Amino acid sequence: MENKKTIVLVVDDDLDLLELSAVSLAAKGFEVLQAKNGKEALEWLDRKASEIKLIILDIVMPEMDGFEFMEVVRKKEQYKNIPIIVTSNLDSDADRQAAFALGAKDFFEKVKMNPSQVADKVKKMLGC
């Protein structure tokens, strides 16, 4: 029997941070899908929504930002129950409130958590 890894989708236009997050999550036993913007993330969801267990989502991105992505995701039955952790370079109360209003399960400022801490947060949230 194959031991399937828990799949996490990381969405961030900062390619260095995207790769660091992927490495940290993989080191904790997760399979990681990467997207540089909301449009790429939706493409992953179209292909693997039933397998993706959590999304780590940046707010400010080109083509489709995090808030636009969340609006689309929460309207689609097959996506709406996937937990989303929102990340930002700015710890704005308005962004935090908007993220939670759109269904985010958590929100953190990127500079306050390193990728390993994020991976630990994901493990805890998913009960792994």
N, C-alpha and C. Protein backbone atom coordinates (compact mmCIF):
# COMPACT_ATOMS: atom_id res chain seq x y z
N MET A 1 0.84 -1.18 0.00
CA MET A 1 0.00 0.00 0.00
C MET A 1 0.89 1.25 0.00
N GLU A 2 0.61 2.18 -0.86
CA GLU A 2 1.40 3.39 -0.99
C GLU A 2 1.06 4.37 0.12
N ASN A 3 2.12 4.96 0.70
CA ASN A 3 1.93 5.95 1.75
C ASN A 3 1.84 7.33 1.09
N LYS A 4 0.63 7.86 0.94
CA LYS A 4 0.43 9.15 0.27
C LYS A 4 0.73 10.29 1.23
N LYS A 5 1.43 11.29 0.70
CA LYS A 5 1.75 12.47 1.49
C LYS A 5 0.58 13.46 1.44
N THR A 6 0.45 14.24 2.49
CA THR A 6 -0.54 15.30 2.53
C THR A 6 -0.08 16.43 1.61
N ILE A 7 -0.98 16.88 0.73
CA ILE A 7 -0.63 17.90 -0.26
C ILE A 7 -1.02 19.29 0.23
N VAL A 8 -0.04 20.20 0.14
CA VAL A 8 -0.23 21.61 0.49
C VAL A 8 0.09 22.43 -0.75
N LEU A 9 -0.77 23.39 -1.06
CA LEU A 9 -0.56 24.32 -2.17
C LEU A 9 -0.04 25.64 -1.60
N VAL A 10 1.15 26.06 -2.06
CA VAL A 10 1.74 27.33 -1.63
C VAL A 10 1.65 28.31 -2.79
N VAL A 11 1.07 29.49 -2.53
CA VAL A 11 0.85 30.50 -3.57
C VAL A 11 1.55 31.78 -3.16
N ASP A 12 2.61 32.14 -3.90
CA ASP A 12 3.38 33.35 -3.57
C ASP A 12 4.18 33.77 -4.79
N ASP A 13 4.21 35.07 -5.07
CA ASP A 13 4.96 35.55 -6.23
C ASP A 13 6.44 35.77 -5.91
N ASP A 14 6.83 35.69 -4.64
CA ASP A 14 8.24 35.77 -4.25
C ASP A 14 8.83 34.37 -4.44
N LEU A 15 9.55 34.16 -5.52
CA LEU A 15 10.03 32.82 -5.89
C LEU A 15 10.98 32.23 -4.86
N ASP A 16 11.80 33.06 -4.23
CA ASP A 16 12.70 32.56 -3.19
C ASP A 16 11.90 32.05 -1.99
N LEU A 17 10.92 32.83 -1.56
CA LEU A 17 10.09 32.42 -0.43
C LEU A 17 9.24 31.19 -0.80
N LEU A 18 8.78 31.15 -2.02
CA LEU A 18 8.01 30.00 -2.50
C LEU A 18 8.84 28.72 -2.39
N GLU A 19 10.10 28.80 -2.84
CA GLU A 19 10.98 27.63 -2.79
C GLU A 19 11.35 27.27 -1.35
N LEU A 20 11.65 28.27 -0.52
CA LEU A 20 11.97 27.99 0.89
C LEU A 20 10.78 27.33 1.59
N SER A 21 9.59 27.81 1.32
CA SER A 21 8.39 27.22 1.91
C SER A 21 8.23 25.77 1.46
N ALA A 22 8.44 25.53 0.18
CA ALA A 22 8.31 24.17 -0.35
C ALA A 22 9.31 23.23 0.29
N VAL A 23 10.55 23.67 0.43
CA VAL A 23 11.59 22.84 1.05
C VAL A 23 11.25 22.54 2.51
N SER A 24 10.83 23.56 3.25
CA SER A 24 10.48 23.38 4.66
C SER A 24 9.29 22.44 4.85
N LEU A 25 8.29 22.61 4.01
CA LEU A 25 7.11 21.73 4.10
C LEU A 25 7.47 20.30 3.70
N ALA A 26 8.28 20.14 2.67
CA ALA A 26 8.69 18.80 2.23
C ALA A 26 9.51 18.11 3.34
N ALA A 27 10.33 18.88 4.04
CA ALA A 27 11.13 18.33 5.14
C ALA A 27 10.25 17.82 6.28
N LYS A 28 9.04 18.36 6.39
CA LYS A 28 8.08 17.92 7.42
C LYS A 28 7.16 16.82 6.90
N GLY A 29 7.41 16.35 5.66
CA GLY A 29 6.65 15.22 5.13
C GLY A 29 5.51 15.56 4.20
N PHE A 30 5.37 16.82 3.82
CA PHE A 30 4.29 17.21 2.93
C PHE A 30 4.72 17.15 1.47
N GLU A 31 3.76 16.91 0.59
CA GLU A 31 3.96 17.12 -0.83
C GLU A 31 3.52 18.55 -1.10
N VAL A 32 4.30 19.29 -1.87
CA VAL A 32 4.03 20.71 -2.07
C VAL A 32 3.80 21.02 -3.54
N LEU A 33 2.70 21.71 -3.80
CA LEU A 33 2.42 22.26 -5.13
C LEU A 33 2.69 23.75 -5.03
N GLN A 34 3.28 24.33 -6.08
CA GLN A 34 3.65 25.74 -6.05
C GLN A 34 2.94 26.51 -7.15
N ALA A 35 2.51 27.73 -6.80
CA ALA A 35 1.89 28.64 -7.77
C ALA A 35 2.40 30.05 -7.51
N LYS A 36 2.63 30.80 -8.59
CA LYS A 36 3.17 32.17 -8.48
C LYS A 36 2.08 33.23 -8.38
N ASN A 37 0.83 32.84 -8.57
CA ASN A 37 -0.28 33.79 -8.47
C ASN A 37 -1.58 33.01 -8.34
N GLY A 38 -2.67 33.74 -8.14
CA GLY A 38 -3.97 33.11 -7.95
C GLY A 38 -4.43 32.30 -9.15
N LYS A 39 -4.12 32.76 -10.36
CA LYS A 39 -4.53 32.03 -11.55
C LYS A 39 -3.87 30.66 -11.63
N GLU A 40 -2.57 30.61 -11.33
CA GLU A 40 -1.88 29.31 -11.32
C GLU A 40 -2.44 28.42 -10.22
N ALA A 41 -2.76 29.01 -9.09
CA ALA A 41 -3.33 28.24 -7.98
C ALA A 41 -4.68 27.63 -8.38
N LEU A 42 -5.49 28.40 -9.09
CA LEU A 42 -6.78 27.85 -9.55
C LEU A 42 -6.58 26.69 -10.52
N GLU A 43 -5.54 26.78 -11.34
CA GLU A 43 -5.23 25.65 -12.24
C GLU A 43 -4.90 24.40 -11.45
N TRP A 44 -4.12 24.54 -10.35
CA TRP A 44 -3.84 23.39 -9.50
C TRP A 44 -5.13 22.85 -8.88
N LEU A 45 -5.99 23.75 -8.42
CA LEU A 45 -7.25 23.31 -7.82
C LEU A 45 -8.12 22.57 -8.84
N ASP A 46 -8.13 23.04 -10.07
CA ASP A 46 -8.91 22.35 -11.11
C ASP A 46 -8.44 20.91 -11.29
N ARG A 47 -7.15 20.69 -11.11
CA ARG A 47 -6.60 19.35 -11.31
C ARG A 47 -6.59 18.48 -10.05
N LYS A 48 -6.42 19.10 -8.88
CA LYS A 48 -6.18 18.30 -7.67
C LYS A 48 -6.96 18.75 -6.44
N ALA A 49 -8.08 19.39 -6.61
CA ALA A 49 -8.82 19.94 -5.46
C ALA A 49 -9.12 18.88 -4.40
N SER A 50 -9.45 17.69 -4.81
CA SER A 50 -9.80 16.66 -3.83
C SER A 50 -8.60 16.18 -3.02
N GLU A 51 -7.39 16.44 -3.51
CA GLU A 51 -6.18 15.99 -2.82
C GLU A 51 -5.52 17.09 -1.99
N ILE A 52 -5.78 18.35 -2.32
CA ILE A 52 -5.13 19.46 -1.61
C ILE A 52 -5.81 19.64 -0.25
N LYS A 53 -5.00 19.58 0.81
CA LYS A 53 -5.54 19.64 2.16
C LYS A 53 -5.43 21.02 2.80
N LEU A 54 -4.58 21.90 2.23
CA LEU A 54 -4.42 23.23 2.80
C LEU A 54 -3.75 24.13 1.76
N ILE A 55 -4.07 25.43 1.82
CA ILE A 55 -3.47 26.42 0.93
C ILE A 55 -2.80 27.49 1.78
N ILE A 56 -1.55 27.81 1.45
CA ILE A 56 -0.84 28.95 2.06
C ILE A 56 -0.82 30.02 0.99
N LEU A 57 -1.42 31.17 1.27
CA LEU A 57 -1.72 32.15 0.24
C LEU A 57 -1.19 33.54 0.57
N ASP A 58 -0.37 34.08 -0.34
CA ASP A 58 0.07 35.47 -0.24
C ASP A 58 -1.08 36.37 -0.68
N ILE A 59 -1.08 37.61 -0.24
CA ILE A 59 -2.13 38.55 -0.65
C ILE A 59 -1.75 39.30 -1.92
N VAL A 60 -0.59 39.95 -1.91
CA VAL A 60 -0.21 40.81 -3.02
C VAL A 60 0.56 40.00 -4.06
N MET A 61 -0.10 39.81 -5.22
CA MET A 61 0.50 39.04 -6.32
C MET A 61 -0.02 39.61 -7.64
N PRO A 62 0.75 39.41 -8.72
CA PRO A 62 0.27 39.85 -10.04
C PRO A 62 -0.83 38.93 -10.57
N GLU A 63 -1.53 39.37 -11.56
CA GLU A 63 -2.57 38.64 -12.30
C GLU A 63 -3.83 38.38 -11.47
N MET A 64 -3.69 37.77 -10.30
CA MET A 64 -4.83 37.55 -9.41
C MET A 64 -4.30 37.53 -7.99
N ASP A 65 -4.70 38.53 -7.19
CA ASP A 65 -4.18 38.58 -5.83
C ASP A 65 -4.90 37.59 -4.92
N GLY A 66 -4.43 37.51 -3.69
CA GLY A 66 -4.98 36.54 -2.75
C GLY A 66 -6.45 36.73 -2.45
N PHE A 67 -6.89 37.99 -2.34
CA PHE A 67 -8.30 38.22 -2.04
C PHE A 67 -9.19 37.80 -3.21
N GLU A 68 -8.79 38.12 -4.43
CA GLU A 68 -9.56 37.69 -5.61
C GLU A 68 -9.62 36.17 -5.67
N PHE A 69 -8.49 35.52 -5.39
CA PHE A 69 -8.43 34.06 -5.38
C PHE A 69 -9.42 33.49 -4.36
N MET A 70 -9.41 34.04 -3.15
CA MET A 70 -10.31 33.54 -2.11
C MET A 70 -11.78 33.73 -2.48
N GLU A 71 -12.10 34.84 -3.13
CA GLU A 71 -13.49 35.06 -3.57
C GLU A 71 -13.94 33.97 -4.53
N VAL A 72 -13.07 33.60 -5.46
CA VAL A 72 -13.40 32.54 -6.42
C VAL A 72 -13.51 31.20 -5.70
N VAL A 73 -12.53 30.89 -4.86
CA VAL A 73 -12.48 29.60 -4.17
C VAL A 73 -13.71 29.39 -3.30
N ARG A 74 -14.12 30.39 -2.57
CA ARG A 74 -15.23 30.22 -1.64
C ARG A 74 -16.59 30.08 -2.34
N LYS A 75 -16.65 30.40 -3.63
CA LYS A 75 -17.90 30.25 -4.38
C LYS A 75 -18.02 28.87 -5.03
N LYS A 76 -16.93 28.13 -5.10
CA LYS A 76 -16.96 26.82 -5.77
C LYS A 76 -17.07 25.72 -4.73
N GLU A 77 -18.10 24.93 -4.86
CA GLU A 77 -18.38 23.87 -3.89
C GLU A 77 -17.19 22.95 -3.66
N GLN A 78 -16.49 22.57 -4.73
CA GLN A 78 -15.40 21.61 -4.60
C GLN A 78 -14.15 22.19 -3.95
N TYR A 79 -14.07 23.51 -3.81
CA TYR A 79 -12.89 24.17 -3.22
C TYR A 79 -13.15 24.77 -1.85
N LYS A 80 -14.38 25.11 -1.56
CA LYS A 80 -14.68 26.02 -0.44
C LYS A 80 -14.29 25.51 0.94
N ASN A 81 -14.10 24.21 1.11
CA ASN A 81 -13.76 23.69 2.42
C ASN A 81 -12.26 23.47 2.64
N ILE A 82 -11.44 23.82 1.66
CA ILE A 82 -9.99 23.69 1.83
C ILE A 82 -9.52 24.84 2.72
N PRO A 83 -8.87 24.54 3.85
CA PRO A 83 -8.41 25.61 4.73
C PRO A 83 -7.35 26.48 4.05
N ILE A 84 -7.39 27.78 4.33
CA ILE A 84 -6.44 28.72 3.76
C ILE A 84 -5.76 29.50 4.88
N ILE A 85 -4.42 29.52 4.83
CA ILE A 85 -3.63 30.38 5.71
C ILE A 85 -3.15 31.54 4.84
N VAL A 86 -3.47 32.75 5.23
CA VAL A 86 -3.08 33.93 4.46
C VAL A 86 -1.80 34.50 5.03
N THR A 87 -0.88 34.89 4.13
CA THR A 87 0.38 35.52 4.53
C THR A 87 0.48 36.89 3.88
N SER A 88 1.23 37.76 4.53
CA SER A 88 1.40 39.11 3.99
C SER A 88 2.72 39.70 4.47
N ASN A 89 3.25 40.62 3.69
CA ASN A 89 4.41 41.38 4.13
C ASN A 89 3.99 42.50 5.07
N LEU A 90 2.72 42.86 5.05
CA LEU A 90 2.20 43.92 5.89
C LEU A 90 1.19 43.34 6.87
N ASP A 91 1.25 43.77 8.11
CA ASP A 91 0.28 43.30 9.10
C ASP A 91 -0.79 44.36 9.27
N SER A 92 -1.61 44.49 8.23
CA SER A 92 -2.67 45.49 8.22
C SER A 92 -3.95 44.91 8.81
N ASP A 93 -4.57 45.66 9.72
CA ASP A 93 -5.84 45.20 10.29
C ASP A 93 -6.90 45.01 9.21
N ALA A 94 -6.91 45.90 8.22
CA ALA A 94 -7.89 45.79 7.13
C ALA A 94 -7.68 44.49 6.34
N ASP A 95 -6.42 44.17 6.03
CA ASP A 95 -6.13 42.93 5.31
C ASP A 95 -6.49 41.71 6.15
N ARG A 96 -6.16 41.76 7.42
CA ARG A 96 -6.47 40.65 8.33
C ARG A 96 -7.99 40.44 8.39
N GLN A 97 -8.74 41.52 8.56
CA GLN A 97 -10.21 41.41 8.62
C GLN A 97 -10.79 40.89 7.30
N ALA A 98 -10.27 41.39 6.19
CA ALA A 98 -10.75 40.93 4.88
C ALA A 98 -10.46 39.45 4.69
N ALA A 99 -9.26 39.02 5.08
CA ALA A 99 -8.89 37.61 4.93
C ALA A 99 -9.83 36.71 5.74
N PHE A 100 -10.08 37.06 6.99
CA PHE A 100 -10.98 36.25 7.81
C PHE A 100 -12.41 36.31 7.30
N ALA A 101 -12.83 37.46 6.80
CA ALA A 101 -14.18 37.57 6.23
C ALA A 101 -14.36 36.65 5.02
N LEU A 102 -13.26 36.42 4.30
CA LEU A 102 -13.30 35.53 3.13
C LEU A 102 -13.05 34.07 3.50
N GLY A 103 -12.92 33.79 4.79
CA GLY A 103 -12.82 32.41 5.23
C GLY A 103 -11.45 31.90 5.59
N ALA A 104 -10.46 32.78 5.70
CA ALA A 104 -9.11 32.32 6.10
C ALA A 104 -9.17 31.69 7.48
N LYS A 105 -8.37 30.65 7.67
CA LYS A 105 -8.28 29.98 8.98
C LYS A 105 -7.20 30.60 9.85
N ASP A 106 -6.24 31.27 9.21
CA ASP A 106 -5.16 31.92 9.95
C ASP A 106 -4.57 33.01 9.07
N PHE A 107 -3.83 33.91 9.70
CA PHE A 107 -3.20 35.03 8.99
C PHE A 107 -1.92 35.35 9.74
N PHE A 108 -0.81 35.51 9.01
CA PHE A 108 0.41 35.93 9.67
C PHE A 108 1.26 36.80 8.76
N GLU A 109 2.06 37.63 9.40
CA GLU A 109 3.00 38.49 8.69
C GLU A 109 4.25 37.66 8.40
N LYS A 110 4.68 37.69 7.14
CA LYS A 110 5.80 36.84 6.71
C LYS A 110 7.06 37.03 7.54
N VAL A 111 7.40 38.27 7.87
CA VAL A 111 8.65 38.51 8.58
C VAL A 111 8.64 37.98 10.01
N LYS A 112 7.48 37.64 10.52
CA LYS A 112 7.39 37.15 11.89
C LYS A 112 7.47 35.64 12.00
N MET A 113 7.48 34.94 10.86
CA MET A 113 7.55 33.47 10.88
C MET A 113 8.47 32.99 9.78
N ASN A 114 9.40 32.11 10.13
CA ASN A 114 10.25 31.54 9.10
C ASN A 114 9.55 30.32 8.49
N PRO A 115 10.00 29.85 7.33
CA PRO A 115 9.31 28.73 6.67
C PRO A 115 9.18 27.47 7.52
N SER A 116 10.15 27.21 8.38
CA SER A 116 10.05 26.04 9.25
C SER A 116 8.91 26.20 10.26
N GLN A 117 8.75 27.41 10.79
CA GLN A 117 7.64 27.67 11.72
C GLN A 117 6.30 27.54 11.00
N VAL A 118 6.25 27.99 9.76
CA VAL A 118 5.03 27.85 8.96
C VAL A 118 4.70 26.37 8.77
N ALA A 119 5.71 25.57 8.46
CA ALA A 119 5.50 24.13 8.28
C ALA A 119 4.97 23.50 9.58
N ASP A 120 5.51 23.93 10.72
CA ASP A 120 5.01 23.41 12.01
C ASP A 120 3.55 23.82 12.22
N LYS A 121 3.20 25.05 11.84
CA LYS A 121 1.81 25.53 11.96
C LYS A 121 0.88 24.69 11.09
N VAL A 122 1.33 24.35 9.88
CA VAL A 122 0.54 23.53 8.97
C VAL A 122 0.32 22.14 9.57
N LYS A 123 1.38 21.55 10.09
CA LYS A 123 1.26 20.23 10.72
C LYS A 123 0.22 20.26 11.84
N LYS A 124 0.30 21.29 12.67
CA LYS A 124 -0.64 21.40 13.79
C LYS A 124 -2.07 21.58 13.29
N MET A 125 -2.24 22.47 12.30
CA MET A 125 -3.57 22.74 11.79
C MET A 125 -4.21 21.50 11.17
N LEU A 126 -3.39 20.68 10.49
CA LEU A 126 -3.91 19.49 9.83
C LEU A 126 -3.89 18.26 10.73
N GLY A 127 -3.34 18.41 11.94
CA GLY A 127 -3.29 17.30 12.86
C GLY A 127 -2.36 16.18 12.41
N CYS A 128 -1.27 16.56 11.76
CA CYS A 128 -0.30 15.56 11.26
C CYS A 128 0.81 15.32 12.26
